Every structure is written in structure tokens, then in C-alpha cells.
Amino acid sequence: MTNSTVLVGITATFVGLTALLVVAGVVVNPLLLAVAVPFGVAAYLMWFHASGRLRERVRREADRIGPTERERARQRARAGENRRDAYRSAGAGGRTGTDASRSGRFGNGSRDPRDRAPSTRAMSEREAYATLDLDPSADRETVRSTYRERAKRLHPDAEDGDEEAFKELNRAYEVLRG
């Protein structure tokens, strides 16, 4: 005996009870008609499920909604990959794949660490608060919310994103978070 056979049997039982209650409601007491309504609704829903129409309807709805949800998931995955790539390149001194692979020890086009741009030096707490435009007495939640708000605006994938400003913002947040 399969689940659908059991479901059809239960549905038939509910249909029988509904018919019996409707007849008893007409003959004996109209109050029984109010009791027959929930049995009739339950019988209809079970029949809808047993006939496979519920599954078809759910599948159609999923097909109608599904592609946009799947596309959103892909976009989130791509954004996550881009974010990881940005953090990796920022960790490598702002250099990307080919530049980083060519760098050697003070030769072959690499630079002396003392010649680095001032943006790669250690940032003080005061500078970090200034980068976030916050008062040094700001609590952690304020720092976090301000960082998130500005990160959305400055992120390189955003319309008006600025990669250098985003890196600076991340450095400031790392100083204040740590």
C-alpha cells in the first residue's frame, strides 16, 4: 500500500462523512451542516493533493518564481567572490595576480617597502575614527553601522564605488574592530 492509496482512502472517508453530515443536516438538524463544512474542505484539499494537482500547481509557481530567486542566489555568490578577491588583493598590498607574482626582493620591478604609498602604513585609532567621520567616543555598534553604510556606498561593485576609498575604509574598520 502506497501513501497515495492511503490518502485516497482517507479522502473517500472524509467525502462519505461530509455526505452523511449534509443529509443529516437537512433531515435532522441544520446545525450539522456547519459541522459538514470543515469535513468538506478537508476532503477537497486531500483530493487536490491525491490527484497530483497540488504538486503541479506548486511546481508551476516554483517555475514562475524560481529563476529570479536562483539568479539572486548567483548574484550573491558572485558578490561574495568579488568581495573575497578584493580582500585578498588588499592583503597583498593592493597588487593583483600578475603584479603580485612578478614581485621579488627589491628587484625585478618590485619596490622598496620604504617607498610604499602612505596609505599602506599602519593607521592610528584617531585616523580610523576620522576616516569613518566618527567621534572617538563612538561605541562599537555605531562604528559597525557607520562602516556598513559607507561600505555599501564605496564598494567597487556599487555604481559610484571607489576601490581605494573602500580599502581605506576597511583598514579603518579593522583598526577599530580589533
C-alpha atoms as a PDB file:
ATOM      1  CA  MET A   1       0.000   0.000   0.000  1.00  0.00           C
ATOM      2  CA  THR A   2       1.465   3.349  -1.015  1.00  0.00           C
ATOM      3  CA  ASN A   3       0.984   6.739   0.566  1.00  0.00           C
ATOM      4  CA  SER A   4      -1.269   7.882  -2.293  1.00  0.00           C
ATOM      5  CA  THR A   5      -3.519   4.834  -1.790  1.00  0.00           C
ATOM      6  CA  VAL A   6      -3.850   5.659   1.893  1.00  0.00           C
ATOM      7  CA  LEU A   7      -4.543   9.293   1.055  1.00  0.00           C
ATOM      8  CA  VAL A   8      -7.249   8.326  -1.443  1.00  0.00           C
ATOM      9  CA  GLY A   9      -8.828   6.077   1.203  1.00  0.00           C
ATOM     10  CA  ILE A  10      -8.828   8.830   3.823  1.00  0.00           C
ATOM     11  CA  THR A  11     -10.205  11.282   1.246  1.00  0.00           C
ATOM     12  CA  ALA A  12     -13.037   8.867   0.408  1.00  0.00           C
ATOM     13  CA  THR A  13     -13.812   8.529   4.122  1.00  0.00           C
ATOM     14  CA  PHE A  14     -13.994  12.321   4.519  1.00  0.00           C
ATOM     15  CA  VAL A  15     -16.223  12.604   1.438  1.00  0.00           C
ATOM     16  CA  GLY A  16     -18.533   9.936   2.909  1.00  0.00           C
ATOM     17  CA  LEU A  17     -18.660  11.726   6.276  1.00  0.00           C
ATOM     18  CA  THR A  18     -19.372  15.032   4.539  1.00  0.00           C
ATOM     19  CA  ALA A  19     -22.255  13.484   2.547  1.00  0.00           C
ATOM     20  CA  LEU A  20     -23.641  11.850   5.696  1.00  0.00           C
ATOM     21  CA  LEU A  21     -23.462  15.127   7.657  1.00  0.00           C
ATOM     22  CA  VAL A  22     -25.119  17.091   4.827  1.00  0.00           C
ATOM     23  CA  VAL A  23     -28.008  14.594   4.657  1.00  0.00           C
ATOM     24  CA  ALA A  24     -28.320  14.564   8.471  1.00  0.00           C
ATOM     25  CA  GLY A  25     -28.193  18.372   8.457  1.00  0.00           C
ATOM     26  CA  VAL A  26     -31.080  18.586   6.003  1.00  0.00           C
ATOM     27  CA  VAL A  27     -33.160  15.874   7.693  1.00  0.00           C
ATOM     28  CA  VAL A  28     -32.351  16.174  11.402  1.00  0.00           C
ATOM     29  CA  ASN A  29     -30.752  19.492  12.414  1.00  0.00           C
ATOM     30  CA  PRO A  30     -29.340  22.352  10.278  1.00  0.00           C
ATOM     31  CA  LEU A  31     -26.504  22.750  12.812  1.00  0.00           C
ATOM     32  CA  LEU A  32     -24.926  19.600  11.348  1.00  0.00           C
ATOM     33  CA  LEU A  33     -24.416  21.500   8.065  1.00  0.00           C
ATOM     34  CA  ALA A  34     -21.918  23.741   9.896  1.00  0.00           C
ATOM     35  CA  VAL A  35     -20.068  20.603  11.003  1.00  0.00           C
ATOM     36  CA  ALA A  36     -20.103  19.249   7.426  1.00  0.00           C
ATOM     37  CA  VAL A  37     -18.283  22.314   6.015  1.00  0.00           C
ATOM     38  CA  PRO A  38     -14.855  21.607   7.615  1.00  0.00           C
ATOM     39  CA  PHE A  39     -15.107  17.951   6.591  1.00  0.00           C
ATOM     40  CA  GLY A  40     -15.907  19.004   3.020  1.00  0.00           C
ATOM     41  CA  VAL A  41     -12.979  21.446   2.913  1.00  0.00           C
ATOM     42  CA  ALA A  42     -10.601  18.801   4.283  1.00  0.00           C
ATOM     43  CA  ALA A  43     -11.879  16.253   1.747  1.00  0.00           C
ATOM     44  CA  TYR A  44     -11.352  18.725  -1.123  1.00  0.00           C
ATOM     45  CA  LEU A  45      -7.802  19.558  -0.046  1.00  0.00           C
ATOM     46  CA  MET A  46      -6.895  15.882   0.337  1.00  0.00           C
ATOM     47  CA  TRP A  47      -8.380  15.119  -3.109  1.00  0.00           C
ATOM     48  CA  PHE A  48      -6.419  18.071  -4.556  1.00  0.00           C
ATOM     49  CA  HIS A  49      -3.242  16.565  -3.104  1.00  0.00           C
ATOM     50  CA  ALA A  50      -4.020  12.928  -4.014  1.00  0.00           C
ATOM     51  CA  SER A  51      -4.863  13.802  -7.622  1.00  0.00           C
ATOM     52  CA  GLY A  52      -1.426  15.408  -8.113  1.00  0.00           C
ATOM     53  CA  ARG A  53      -2.877  18.813  -8.916  1.00  0.00           C
ATOM     54  CA  LEU A  54      -1.351  20.347  -5.784  1.00  0.00           C
ATOM     55  CA  ARG A  55       2.102  19.175  -6.864  1.00  0.00           C
ATOM     56  CA  GLU A  56       1.569  20.582 -10.370  1.00  0.00           C
ATOM     57  CA  ARG A  57       0.418  23.921  -9.001  1.00  0.00           C
ATOM     58  CA  VAL A  58       3.385  24.164  -6.634  1.00  0.00           C
ATOM     59  CA  ARG A  59       5.750  23.269  -9.475  1.00  0.00           C
ATOM     60  CA  ARG A  60       4.228  25.915 -11.763  1.00  0.00           C
ATOM     61  CA  GLU A  61       4.532  28.521  -9.023  1.00  0.00           C
ATOM     62  CA  ALA A  62       8.140  27.499  -8.349  1.00  0.00           C
ATOM     63  CA  ASP A  63       8.940  27.758 -12.056  1.00  0.00           C
ATOM     64  CA  ARG A  64       7.374  31.203 -12.165  1.00  0.00           C
ATOM     65  CA  ILE A  65       9.298  32.445  -9.124  1.00  0.00           C
ATOM     66  CA  GLY A  66      12.319  30.146  -9.249  1.00  0.00           C
ATOM     67  CA  PRO A  67      14.533  31.691 -11.920  1.00  0.00           C
ATOM     68  CA  THR A  68      14.577  35.095 -10.254  1.00  0.00           C
ATOM     69  CA  GLU A  69      15.418  33.545  -6.888  1.00  0.00           C
ATOM     70  CA  ARG A  70      18.142  31.434  -8.489  1.00  0.00           C
ATOM     71  CA  GLU A  71      19.534  34.498 -10.232  1.00  0.00           C
ATOM     72  CA  ARG A  72      19.590  36.383  -6.930  1.00  0.00           C
ATOM     73  CA  ALA A  73      21.499  33.499  -5.346  1.00  0.00           C
ATOM     74  CA  ARG A  74      24.010  33.595  -8.205  1.00  0.00           C
ATOM     75  CA  GLN A  75      24.404  37.348  -7.799  1.00  0.00           C
ATOM     76  CA  ARG A  76      25.026  36.936  -4.055  1.00  0.00           C
ATOM     77  CA  ALA A  77      27.606  34.237  -4.775  1.00  0.00           C
ATOM     78  CA  ARG A  78      29.346  36.434  -7.352  1.00  0.00           C
ATOM     79  CA  ALA A  79      29.349  39.387  -4.962  1.00  0.00           C
ATOM     80  CA  GLY A  80      30.870  37.172  -2.268  1.00  0.00           C
ATOM     81  CA  GLU A  81      33.585  36.016  -4.657  1.00  0.00           C
ATOM     82  CA  ASN A  82      34.308  39.611  -5.671  1.00  0.00           C
ATOM     83  CA  ARG A  83      34.486  40.633  -2.021  1.00  0.00           C
ATOM     84  CA  ARG A  84      36.918  37.806  -1.215  1.00  0.00           C
ATOM     85  CA  ASP A  85      39.039  38.749  -4.237  1.00  0.00           C
ATOM     86  CA  ALA A  86      39.091  42.399  -3.125  1.00  0.00           C
ATOM     87  CA  TYR A  87      40.167  41.432   0.386  1.00  0.00           C
ATOM     88  CA  ARG A  88      42.860  39.124  -0.977  1.00  0.00           C
ATOM     89  CA  SER A  89      44.231  41.810  -3.271  1.00  0.00           C
ATOM     90  CA  ALA A  90      44.111  44.368  -0.450  1.00  0.00           C
ATOM     91  CA  GLY A  91      46.037  41.924   1.732  1.00  0.00           C
ATOM     92  CA  ALA A  92      48.696  41.618  -0.972  1.00  0.00           C
ATOM     93  CA  GLY A  93      49.417  45.331  -0.754  1.00  0.00           C
ATOM     94  CA  GLY A  94      46.790  46.212  -3.320  1.00  0.00           C
ATOM     95  CA  ARG A  95      48.505  44.237  -6.070  1.00  0.00           C
ATOM     96  CA  THR A  96      46.545  41.736  -8.118  1.00  0.00           C
ATOM     97  CA  GLY A  97      47.550  38.368  -9.558  1.00  0.00           C
ATOM     98  CA  THR A  98      50.161  39.211 -12.201  1.00  0.00           C
ATOM     99  CA  ASP A  99      51.679  42.114 -10.287  1.00  0.00           C
ATOM    100  CA  ALA A 100      51.990  40.045  -7.133  1.00  0.00           C
ATOM    101  CA  SER A 101      53.555  37.117  -8.955  1.00  0.00           C
ATOM    102  CA  ARG A 102      56.217  39.356 -10.543  1.00  0.00           C
ATOM    103  CA  SER A 103      57.302  40.923  -7.306  1.00  0.00           C
ATOM    104  CA  GLY A 104      60.634  39.810  -5.990  1.00  0.00           C
ATOM    105  CA  ARG A 105      63.007  41.061  -3.323  1.00  0.00           C
ATOM    106  CA  PHE A 106      63.965  44.673  -4.286  1.00  0.00           C
ATOM    107  CA  GLY A 107      64.483  43.702  -7.878  1.00  0.00           C
ATOM    108  CA  ASN A 108      62.582  42.692 -10.973  1.00  0.00           C
ATOM    109  CA  GLY A 109      60.258  45.666 -10.777  1.00  0.00           C
ATOM    110  CA  SER A 110      59.387  45.351  -7.085  1.00  0.00           C
ATOM    111  CA  ARG A 111      59.583  48.320  -4.791  1.00  0.00           C
ATOM    112  CA  ASP A 112      61.448  49.006  -1.611  1.00  0.00           C
ATOM    113  CA  PRO A 113      58.972  48.776   1.319  1.00  0.00           C
ATOM    114  CA  ARG A 114      60.080  52.250   2.422  1.00  0.00           C
ATOM    115  CA  ASP A 115      58.824  53.627  -0.911  1.00  0.00           C
ATOM    116  CA  ARG A 116      55.280  52.397  -0.331  1.00  0.00           C
ATOM    117  CA  ALA A 117      52.438  54.845  -0.567  1.00  0.00           C
ATOM    118  CA  PRO A 118      51.385  56.387   2.740  1.00  0.00           C
ATOM    119  CA  SER A 119      48.020  54.556   2.521  1.00  0.00           C
ATOM    120  CA  THR A 120      49.701  51.208   3.311  1.00  0.00           C
ATOM    121  CA  ARG A 121      51.317  52.329   6.561  1.00  0.00           C
ATOM    122  CA  ALA A 122      49.725  51.457   9.894  1.00  0.00           C
ATOM    123  CA  MET A 123      46.675  53.556  10.704  1.00  0.00           C
ATOM    124  CA  SER A 124      46.207  55.043  14.150  1.00  0.00           C
ATOM    125  CA  GLU A 125      42.925  54.891  16.013  1.00  0.00           C
ATOM    126  CA  ARG A 126      42.475  58.630  15.622  1.00  0.00           C
ATOM    127  CA  GLU A 127      42.911  58.336  11.839  1.00  0.00           C
ATOM    128  CA  ALA A 128      40.497  55.421  11.752  1.00  0.00           C
ATOM    129  CA  TYR A 129      37.798  57.425  13.549  1.00  0.00           C
ATOM    130  CA  ALA A 130      38.477  60.345  11.175  1.00  0.00           C
ATOM    131  CA  THR A 131      38.154  58.037   8.151  1.00  0.00           C
ATOM    132  CA  LEU A 132      34.750  56.910   9.392  1.00  0.00           C
ATOM    133  CA  ASP A 133      33.821  60.508  10.349  1.00  0.00           C
ATOM    134  CA  LEU A 134      33.091  59.403  13.914  1.00  0.00           C
ATOM    135  CA  ASP A 135      33.762  60.805  17.324  1.00  0.00           C
ATOM    136  CA  PRO A 136      36.389  58.767  19.260  1.00  0.00           C
ATOM    137  CA  SER A 137      33.768  58.142  21.962  1.00  0.00           C
ATOM    138  CA  ALA A 138      31.533  56.213  19.497  1.00  0.00           C
ATOM    139  CA  ASP A 139      30.503  52.743  20.643  1.00  0.00           C
ATOM    140  CA  ARG A 140      31.104  49.527  18.697  1.00  0.00           C
ATOM    141  CA  GLU A 141      27.573  49.411  17.274  1.00  0.00           C
ATOM    142  CA  THR A 142      27.890  52.938  15.878  1.00  0.00           C
ATOM    143  CA  VAL A 143      31.258  52.069  14.337  1.00  0.00           C
ATOM    144  CA  ARG A 144      29.799  48.919  12.797  1.00  0.00           C
ATOM    145  CA  SER A 145      26.673  50.575  11.394  1.00  0.00           C
ATOM    146  CA  THR A 146      28.638  53.537  10.004  1.00  0.00           C
ATOM    147  CA  TYR A 147      31.146  51.168   8.405  1.00  0.00           C
ATOM    148  CA  ARG A 148      28.393  49.069   6.792  1.00  0.00           C
ATOM    149  CA  GLU A 149      26.589  52.139   5.469  1.00  0.00           C
ATOM    150  CA  ARG A 150      29.728  53.617   3.925  1.00  0.00           C
ATOM    151  CA  ALA A 151      30.959  50.236   2.652  1.00  0.00           C
ATOM    152  CA  LYS A 152      27.756  49.822   0.650  1.00  0.00           C
ATOM    153  CA  ARG A 153      28.282  53.213  -0.909  1.00  0.00           C
ATOM    154  CA  LEU A 154      32.032  52.852  -1.604  1.00  0.00           C
ATOM    155  CA  HIS A 155      32.147  49.180  -2.618  1.00  0.00           C
ATOM    156  CA  PRO A 156      33.819  48.749  -6.027  1.00  0.00           C
ATOM    157  CA  ASP A 157      30.776  46.824  -7.335  1.00  0.00           C
ATOM    158  CA  ALA A 158      28.457  49.735  -6.480  1.00  0.00           C
ATOM    159  CA  GLU A 159      27.550  52.351  -9.100  1.00  0.00           C
ATOM    160  CA  ASP A 160      29.816  55.078  -7.720  1.00  0.00           C
ATOM    161  CA  GLY A 161      32.224  52.735  -5.944  1.00  0.00           C
ATOM    162  CA  ASP A 162      35.784  53.792  -5.196  1.00  0.00           C
ATOM    163  CA  GLU A 163      38.224  50.930  -4.668  1.00  0.00           C
ATOM    164  CA  GLU A 164      40.906  52.973  -2.896  1.00  0.00           C
ATOM    165  CA  ALA A 165      38.412  54.643  -0.551  1.00  0.00           C
ATOM    166  CA  PHE A 166      36.860  51.228   0.132  1.00  0.00           C
ATOM    167  CA  LYS A 167      40.265  49.777   1.050  1.00  0.00           C
ATOM    168  CA  GLU A 168      40.933  52.742   3.336  1.00  0.00           C
ATOM    169  CA  LEU A 169      37.528  52.250   4.960  1.00  0.00           C
ATOM    170  CA  ASN A 170      38.277  48.554   5.540  1.00  0.00           C
ATOM    171  CA  ARG A 171      41.633  49.361   7.107  1.00  0.00           C
ATOM    172  CA  ALA A 172      39.981  51.884   9.448  1.00  0.00           C
ATOM    173  CA  TYR A 173      37.331  49.368  10.445  1.00  0.00           C
ATOM    174  CA  GLU A 174      39.962  46.682  11.110  1.00  0.00           C
ATOM    175  CA  VAL A 175      41.809  49.077  13.436  1.00  0.00           C
ATOM    176  CA  LEU A 176      38.655  49.970  15.366  1.00  0.00           C
ATOM    177  CA  ARG A 177      37.264  46.447  15.434  1.00  0.00           C
ATOM    178  CA  GLY A 178      40.445  44.832  16.706  1.00  0.00           C
END
